[in-house]
Amino acid sequence: MAKIRITQTGSPIRRDKTQRATLVGLGLNKMRRTVEVEGTPEVLGQVRKVHHLVSVETL
């Protein structure tokens, strides 16, 4: 699988609990925090759930 870089661009304030938990599951908990993870189907599903709060780059 290819590596992807995920950066949090939106605030989890006033979001559903499940969206906040998804951000934490991805390793994001503060604005502009960036993580590099494998592009597995599980991770891509999490990204799809919070696509409006993150930006994604393929490495």
PDB file of N, CA and C in Angstrom:
ATOM      1  N   MET A   1       0.829  -1.189   0.000  1.00  0.00           N
ATOM      2  CA  MET A   1       0.000   0.000   0.000  1.00  0.00           C
ATOM      3  C   MET A   1       0.874   1.254   0.000  1.00  0.00           C
ATOM      4  N   ALA A   2       0.360   2.302  -0.553  1.00  0.00           N
ATOM      5  CA  ALA A   2       1.087   3.566  -0.605  1.00  0.00           C
ATOM      6  C   ALA A   2       0.910   4.331   0.701  1.00  0.00           C
ATOM      7  N   LYS A   3       1.915   5.116   1.025  1.00  0.00           N
ATOM      8  CA  LYS A   3       1.826   5.968   2.208  1.00  0.00           C
ATOM      9  C   LYS A   3       1.027   7.211   1.835  1.00  0.00           C
ATOM     10  N   ILE A   4       0.255   7.727   2.800  1.00  0.00           N
ATOM     11  CA  ILE A   4      -0.458   8.979   2.599  1.00  0.00           C
ATOM     12  C   ILE A   4      -0.155   9.900   3.767  1.00  0.00           C
ATOM     13  N   ARG A   5      -0.159  11.190   3.506  1.00  0.00           N
ATOM     14  CA  ARG A   5       0.052  12.200   4.530  1.00  0.00           C
ATOM     15  C   ARG A   5      -1.285  12.893   4.782  1.00  0.00           C
ATOM     16  N   ILE A   6      -1.732  12.866   6.028  1.00  0.00           N
ATOM     17  CA  ILE A   6      -3.015  13.449   6.403  1.00  0.00           C
ATOM     18  C   ILE A   6      -2.745  14.628   7.319  1.00  0.00           C
ATOM     19  N   THR A   7      -3.308  15.796   6.994  1.00  0.00           N
ATOM     20  CA  THR A   7      -3.152  16.998   7.793  1.00  0.00           C
ATOM     21  C   THR A   7      -4.526  17.482   8.233  1.00  0.00           C
ATOM     22  N   GLN A   8      -4.673  17.758   9.508  1.00  0.00           N
ATOM     23  CA  GLN A   8      -5.951  18.258  10.017  1.00  0.00           C
ATOM     24  C   GLN A   8      -6.069  19.734   9.673  1.00  0.00           C
ATOM     25  N   THR A   9      -7.135  20.103   8.969  1.00  0.00           N
ATOM     26  CA  THR A   9      -7.340  21.489   8.556  1.00  0.00           C
ATOM     27  C   THR A   9      -8.568  22.111   9.200  1.00  0.00           C
ATOM     28  N   GLY A  10      -9.451  21.284   9.755  1.00  0.00           N
ATOM     29  CA  GLY A  10     -10.664  21.795  10.371  1.00  0.00           C
ATOM     30  C   GLY A  10     -10.716  21.468  11.842  1.00  0.00           C
ATOM     31  N   SER A  11     -11.501  22.238  12.561  1.00  0.00           N
ATOM     32  CA  SER A  11     -11.621  22.057  14.005  1.00  0.00           C
ATOM     33  C   SER A  11     -12.713  21.037  14.333  1.00  0.00           C
ATOM     34  N   PRO A  12     -12.470  20.193  15.335  1.00  0.00           N
ATOM     35  CA  PRO A  12     -13.486  19.227  15.743  1.00  0.00           C
ATOM     36  C   PRO A  12     -14.543  19.823  16.687  1.00  0.00           C
ATOM     37  N   ILE A  13     -14.416  21.109  16.995  1.00  0.00           N
ATOM     38  CA  ILE A  13     -15.399  21.756  17.872  1.00  0.00           C
ATOM     39  C   ILE A  13     -16.760  21.749  17.177  1.00  0.00           C
ATOM     40  N   ARG A  14     -17.798  21.430  17.916  1.00  0.00           N
ATOM     41  CA  ARG A  14     -19.182  21.347  17.434  1.00  0.00           C
ATOM     42  C   ARG A  14     -19.359  20.262  16.363  1.00  0.00           C
ATOM     43  N   ARG A  15     -18.548  19.236  16.434  1.00  0.00           N
ATOM     44  CA  ARG A  15     -18.704  18.081  15.544  1.00  0.00           C
ATOM     45  C   ARG A  15     -19.238  16.909  16.343  1.00  0.00           C
ATOM     46  N   ASP A  16     -19.732  15.935  15.659  1.00  0.00           N
ATOM     47  CA  ASP A  16     -20.242  14.722  16.278  1.00  0.00           C
ATOM     48  C   ASP A  16     -19.122  13.991  17.019  1.00  0.00           C
ATOM     49  N   LYS A  17     -19.462  13.284  18.088  1.00  0.00           N
ATOM     50  CA  LYS A  17     -18.468  12.535  18.865  1.00  0.00           C
ATOM     51  C   LYS A  17     -17.718  11.524  18.014  1.00  0.00           C
ATOM     52  N   THR A  18     -18.437  10.927  17.067  1.00  0.00           N
ATOM     53  CA  THR A  18     -17.791   9.904  16.239  1.00  0.00           C
ATOM     54  C   THR A  18     -16.726  10.520  15.330  1.00  0.00           C
ATOM     55  N   GLN A  19     -16.960  11.754  14.855  1.00  0.00           N
ATOM     56  CA  GLN A  19     -15.959  12.417  14.021  1.00  0.00           C
ATOM     57  C   GLN A  19     -14.734  12.789  14.846  1.00  0.00           C
ATOM     58  N   ARG A  20     -14.951  13.247  16.086  1.00  0.00           N
ATOM     59  CA  ARG A  20     -13.819  13.549  16.965  1.00  0.00           C
ATOM     60  C   ARG A  20     -13.014  12.288  17.245  1.00  0.00           C
ATOM     61  N   ALA A  21     -13.707  11.181  17.507  1.00  0.00           N
ATOM     62  CA  ALA A  21     -13.027   9.920  17.791  1.00  0.00           C
ATOM     63  C   ALA A  21     -12.259   9.429  16.563  1.00  0.00           C
ATOM     64  N   THR A  22     -12.782   9.660  15.380  1.00  0.00           N
ATOM     65  CA  THR A  22     -12.096   9.263  14.152  1.00  0.00           C
ATOM     66  C   THR A  22     -10.801  10.040  13.986  1.00  0.00           C
ATOM     67  N   LEU A  23     -10.828  11.347  14.284  1.00  0.00           N
ATOM     68  CA  LEU A  23      -9.602  12.140  14.206  1.00  0.00           C
ATOM     69  C   LEU A  23      -8.554  11.617  15.181  1.00  0.00           C
ATOM     70  N   VAL A  24      -8.972  11.294  16.392  1.00  0.00           N
ATOM     71  CA  VAL A  24      -8.044  10.758  17.385  1.00  0.00           C
ATOM     72  C   VAL A  24      -7.509   9.406  16.917  1.00  0.00           C
ATOM     73  N   GLY A  25      -8.368   8.594  16.316  1.00  0.00           N
ATOM     74  CA  GLY A  25      -7.944   7.300  15.796  1.00  0.00           C
ATOM     75  C   GLY A  25      -6.912   7.422  14.681  1.00  0.00           C
ATOM     76  N   LEU A  26      -6.977   8.512  13.936  1.00  0.00           N
ATOM     77  CA  LEU A  26      -5.999   8.760  12.883  1.00  0.00           C
ATOM     78  C   LEU A  26      -4.712   9.366  13.435  1.00  0.00           C
ATOM     79  N   GLY A  27      -4.723   9.760  14.700  1.00  0.00           N
ATOM     80  CA  GLY A  27      -3.541  10.371  15.308  1.00  0.00           C
ATOM     81  C   GLY A  27      -3.539  11.872  15.220  1.00  0.00           C
ATOM     82  N   LEU A  28      -4.702  12.451  14.951  1.00  0.00           N
ATOM     83  CA  LEU A  28      -4.821  13.907  14.840  1.00  0.00           C
ATOM     84  C   LEU A  28      -5.655  14.425  16.003  1.00  0.00           C
ATOM     85  N   ASN A  29      -5.168  15.457  16.674  1.00  0.00           N
ATOM     86  CA  ASN A  29      -5.955  16.034  17.754  1.00  0.00           C
ATOM     87  C   ASN A  29      -5.770  17.539  17.875  1.00  0.00           C
ATOM     88  N   LYS A  30      -4.936  18.125  17.019  1.00  0.00           N
ATOM     89  CA  LYS A  30      -4.748  19.572  17.027  1.00  0.00           C
ATOM     90  C   LYS A  30      -4.689  20.056  15.581  1.00  0.00           C
ATOM     91  N   MET A  31      -5.040  21.298  15.384  1.00  0.00           N
ATOM     92  CA  MET A  31      -5.021  21.888  14.047  1.00  0.00           C
ATOM     93  C   MET A  31      -3.611  21.855  13.473  1.00  0.00           C
ATOM     94  N   ARG A  32      -3.512  21.637  12.186  1.00  0.00           N
ATOM     95  CA  ARG A  32      -2.265  21.594  11.417  1.00  0.00           C
ATOM     96  C   ARG A  32      -1.346  20.438  11.802  1.00  0.00           C
ATOM     97  N   ARG A  33      -1.835  19.471  12.568  1.00  0.00           N
ATOM     98  CA  ARG A  33      -1.035  18.288  12.903  1.00  0.00           C
ATOM     99  C   ARG A  33      -1.041  17.377  11.680  1.00  0.00           C
ATOM    100  N   THR A  34       0.103  16.758  11.390  1.00  0.00           N
ATOM    101  CA  THR A  34       0.258  15.903  10.210  1.00  0.00           C
ATOM    102  C   THR A  34       0.745  14.527  10.634  1.00  0.00           C
ATOM    103  N   VAL A  35       0.184  13.483  10.009  1.00  0.00           N
ATOM    104  CA  VAL A  35       0.630  12.116  10.230  1.00  0.00           C
ATOM    105  C   VAL A  35       0.819  11.441   8.877  1.00  0.00           C
ATOM    106  N   GLU A  36       1.740  10.478   8.831  1.00  0.00           N
ATOM    107  CA  GLU A  36       1.946   9.679   7.633  1.00  0.00           C
ATOM    108  C   GLU A  36       1.566   8.247   7.973  1.00  0.00           C
ATOM    109  N   VAL A  37       0.634   7.680   7.221  1.00  0.00           N
ATOM    110  CA  VAL A  37       0.140   6.336   7.489  1.00  0.00           C
ATOM    111  C   VAL A  37       0.042   5.563   6.173  1.00  0.00           C
ATOM    112  N   GLU A  38      -0.084   4.245   6.292  1.00  0.00           N
ATOM    113  CA  GLU A  38      -0.314   3.399   5.127  1.00  0.00           C
ATOM    114  C   GLU A  38      -1.745   3.621   4.624  1.00  0.00           C
ATOM    115  N   GLY A  39      -1.925   3.609   3.332  1.00  0.00           N
ATOM    116  CA  GLY A  39      -3.236   3.830   2.736  1.00  0.00           C
ATOM    117  C   GLY A  39      -4.077   2.572   2.678  1.00  0.00           C
ATOM    118  N   THR A  40      -4.367   1.977   3.832  1.00  0.00           N
ATOM    119  CA  THR A  40      -5.185   0.764   3.883  1.00  0.00           C
ATOM    120  C   THR A  40      -6.655   1.124   3.712  1.00  0.00           C
ATOM    121  N   PRO A  41      -7.500   0.169   3.380  1.00  0.00           N
ATOM    122  CA  PRO A  41      -8.926   0.451   3.243  1.00  0.00           C
ATOM    123  C   PRO A  41      -9.539   0.994   4.538  1.00  0.00           C
ATOM    124  N   GLU A  42      -9.046   0.543   5.690  1.00  0.00           N
ATOM    125  CA  GLU A  42      -9.576   1.022   6.965  1.00  0.00           C
ATOM    126  C   GLU A  42      -9.272   2.508   7.159  1.00  0.00           C
ATOM    127  N   VAL A  43      -8.031   2.889   6.870  1.00  0.00           N
ATOM    128  CA  VAL A  43      -7.627   4.290   7.030  1.00  0.00           C
ATOM    129  C   VAL A  43      -8.364   5.168   6.024  1.00  0.00           C
ATOM    130  N   LEU A  44      -8.506   4.688   4.802  1.00  0.00           N
ATOM    131  CA  LEU A  44      -9.211   5.476   3.784  1.00  0.00           C
ATOM    132  C   LEU A  44     -10.679   5.670   4.149  1.00  0.00           C
ATOM    133  N   GLY A  45     -11.280   4.685   4.807  1.00  0.00           N
ATOM    134  CA  GLY A  45     -12.655   4.830   5.281  1.00  0.00           C
ATOM    135  C   GLY A  45     -12.754   5.881   6.364  1.00  0.00           C
ATOM    136  N   GLN A  46     -11.758   5.932   7.253  1.00  0.00           N
ATOM    137  CA  GLN A  46     -11.749   6.963   8.287  1.00  0.00           C
ATOM    138  C   GLN A  46     -11.587   8.343   7.665  1.00  0.00           C
ATOM    139  N   VAL A  47     -10.713   8.445   6.684  1.00  0.00           N
ATOM    140  CA  VAL A  47     -10.504   9.727   6.008  1.00  0.00           C
ATOM    141  C   VAL A  47     -11.786  10.168   5.314  1.00  0.00           C
ATOM    142  N   ARG A  48     -12.490   9.238   4.703  1.00  0.00           N
ATOM    143  CA  ARG A  48     -13.746   9.567   4.028  1.00  0.00           C
ATOM    144  C   ARG A  48     -14.767  10.121   5.012  1.00  0.00           C
ATOM    145  N   LYS A  49     -14.740   9.620   6.244  1.00  0.00           N
ATOM    146  CA  LYS A  49     -15.705  10.055   7.258  1.00  0.00           C
ATOM    147  C   LYS A  49     -15.453  11.497   7.700  1.00  0.00           C
ATOM    148  N   VAL A  50     -14.184  11.925   7.686  1.00  0.00           N
ATOM    149  CA  VAL A  50     -13.848  13.281   8.144  1.00  0.00           C
ATOM    150  C   VAL A  50     -13.169  14.076   7.039  1.00  0.00           C
ATOM    151  N   HIS A  51     -13.547  13.819   5.794  1.00  0.00           N
ATOM    152  CA  HIS A  51     -12.897  14.453   4.653  1.00  0.00           C
ATOM    153  C   HIS A  51     -12.982  15.969   4.689  1.00  0.00           C
ATOM    154  N   HIS A  52     -13.997  16.520   5.344  1.00  0.00           N
ATOM    155  CA  HIS A  52     -14.164  17.958   5.429  1.00  0.00           C
ATOM    156  C   HIS A  52     -13.262  18.597   6.496  1.00  0.00           C
ATOM    157  N   LEU A  53     -12.570  17.785   7.284  1.00  0.00           N
ATOM    158  CA  LEU A  53     -11.703  18.270   8.355  1.00  0.00           C
ATOM    159  C   LEU A  53     -10.217  18.010   8.075  1.00  0.00           C
ATOM    160  N   VAL A  54      -9.901  17.300   7.000  1.00  0.00           N
ATOM    161  CA  VAL A  54      -8.511  16.926   6.723  1.00  0.00           C
ATOM    162  C   VAL A  54      -8.176  17.164   5.256  1.00  0.00           C
ATOM    163  N   SER A  55      -6.862  17.242   4.985  1.00  0.00           N
ATOM    164  CA  SER A  55      -6.387  17.235   3.606  1.00  0.00           C
ATOM    165  C   SER A  55      -5.449  16.043   3.474  1.00  0.00           C
ATOM    166  N   VAL A  56      -5.440  15.419   2.303  1.00  0.00           N
ATOM    167  CA  VAL A  56      -4.699  14.180   2.090  1.00  0.00           C
ATOM    168  C   VAL A  56      -3.772  14.341   0.899  1.00  0.00           C
ATOM    169  N   GLU A  57      -2.519  13.887   1.074  1.00  0.00           N
ATOM    170  CA  GLU A  57      -1.535  13.854  -0.004  1.00  0.00           C
ATOM    171  C   GLU A  57      -1.002  12.450  -0.144  1.00  0.00           C
ATOM    172  N   THR A  58      -0.770  12.020  -1.357  1.00  0.00           N
ATOM    173  CA  THR A  58      -0.150  10.715  -1.608  1.00  0.00           C
ATOM    174  C   THR A  58       1.361  10.903  -1.663  1.00  0.00           C
ATOM    175  N   LEU A  59       2.081  10.006  -1.022  1.00  0.00           N
ATOM    176  CA  LEU A  59       3.549  10.110  -1.028  1.00  0.00           C
ATOM    177  C   LEU A  59       4.169   9.166  -2.023  1.00  0.00           C
TER     178      LEU A  59
END
